[in-house]
Amino acid sequence: MTPEQLRPHLEGVFGFPVTPFHPDGSLNLDAFRRHVRWMKGVGLQAIFVCAGTGEYFNLDVEEYREAVAAAVEEVGGSLPVLAGCGYSTVIASRFARAASEAGEDGLLLLPPNHVPPEQEGLYRHVRAVADSSPLSLILYPRDNALYSVNTVKRLAELPQVVGFKDGQGPIEYFGRMVLEMGDRLSYMNGMPTAEMTFPGYYALGCRGYSSALSNFAPHVTIRFHQAVVAGDTVTQTSILKDVIEPICQVRDQGKGFAVSYVKAAVNLLGSLGPEGAGPVRPPLVDLSPGQRSQLSAVLARMLELYPAPAAD
């Protein structure tokens, strides 16, 4: 898929599937295939595999190659499939080539590891990844990769750069980026539990967001997105109060729980069979029994208020 073909798809709710592991920590590719196969049919606009929620940082290049190839095969062209890509420039370029060989439609550029680079360094990093693969690129400012408006303007001269996913804030930063770049880029809200901030981002021109809920309650997050677009503040407030805020209260109890709680939710709802999505890999840790119990109560309340649609 060319950059011009991809950009119209970068609106709506985007799925960010977890990467299932067996209890011993090895990659559970069969469960991953089942999960992606299910996610492609629930109303999402694109699927981003092996990204933040998919523990990209915990995969070696061969596992990554297997997973992205499996996702492309399972989706079968019905949706765009993109993959996370990060680490050092050399390693990111290697992962980018692997994603391209697997047939991915684009890359979400996670921050380079460890160092806080100068703007020129960030520019050269993205240029090097772009030179290593023909895939479309979405910039992802967060942590140590904080692109200035001028750096994004320079990078937007590359035809491969199609999107900007704000994972850092503040919202003024995003607003200034949209004012400067206009419709040259597609914009995504990538803030933690993005539903919480999407109404504000939408008002500034953002039309899509990444959703961890896509793993276990896509019908809820899609309904929320529709409410924002329609200006239905009653539904927005209800979902935020009854679902999103209680989930955030679990998420905020531990570092890395933005991933851990999602795997726990998939496991609690039993959609992937006895092994479920399995554990997270170190350095992440799983929820404690008490935290799982708290999350279970939140999920039960969510499904009471917003029942999942019947399976086809």
Foldseek 3Di string as FASTA:
>chain_A
DALVVQQVLQFAEEEEAAFFAFQVGHGDQVLLLVLLLVLLPPDHSEYEYLALLNPVVPDDLVVLLSNLLSNCVSNVPSHAYEYEFEEFLVRSLVSLLSNVVSPHQAYEYDYYPDDLDDLVVLLVSVVSSVVSHVHAYAYEDDDSRHHALVSVVVVLVDSSDAAYEYAHDDVVRVLVNCVSCPNSHAYEHEHQQRLVCVLVVVVSPHRYYYHLCSSPCPVLVSVLSVCSVVVVVVSSVCCCVQAVVLVVVLQVPDPPSSNQVSQLNQVLVQPSHDCGSHGDDPPDHHDDPVSSVSSNVSVVSVCVVPPDDDDD
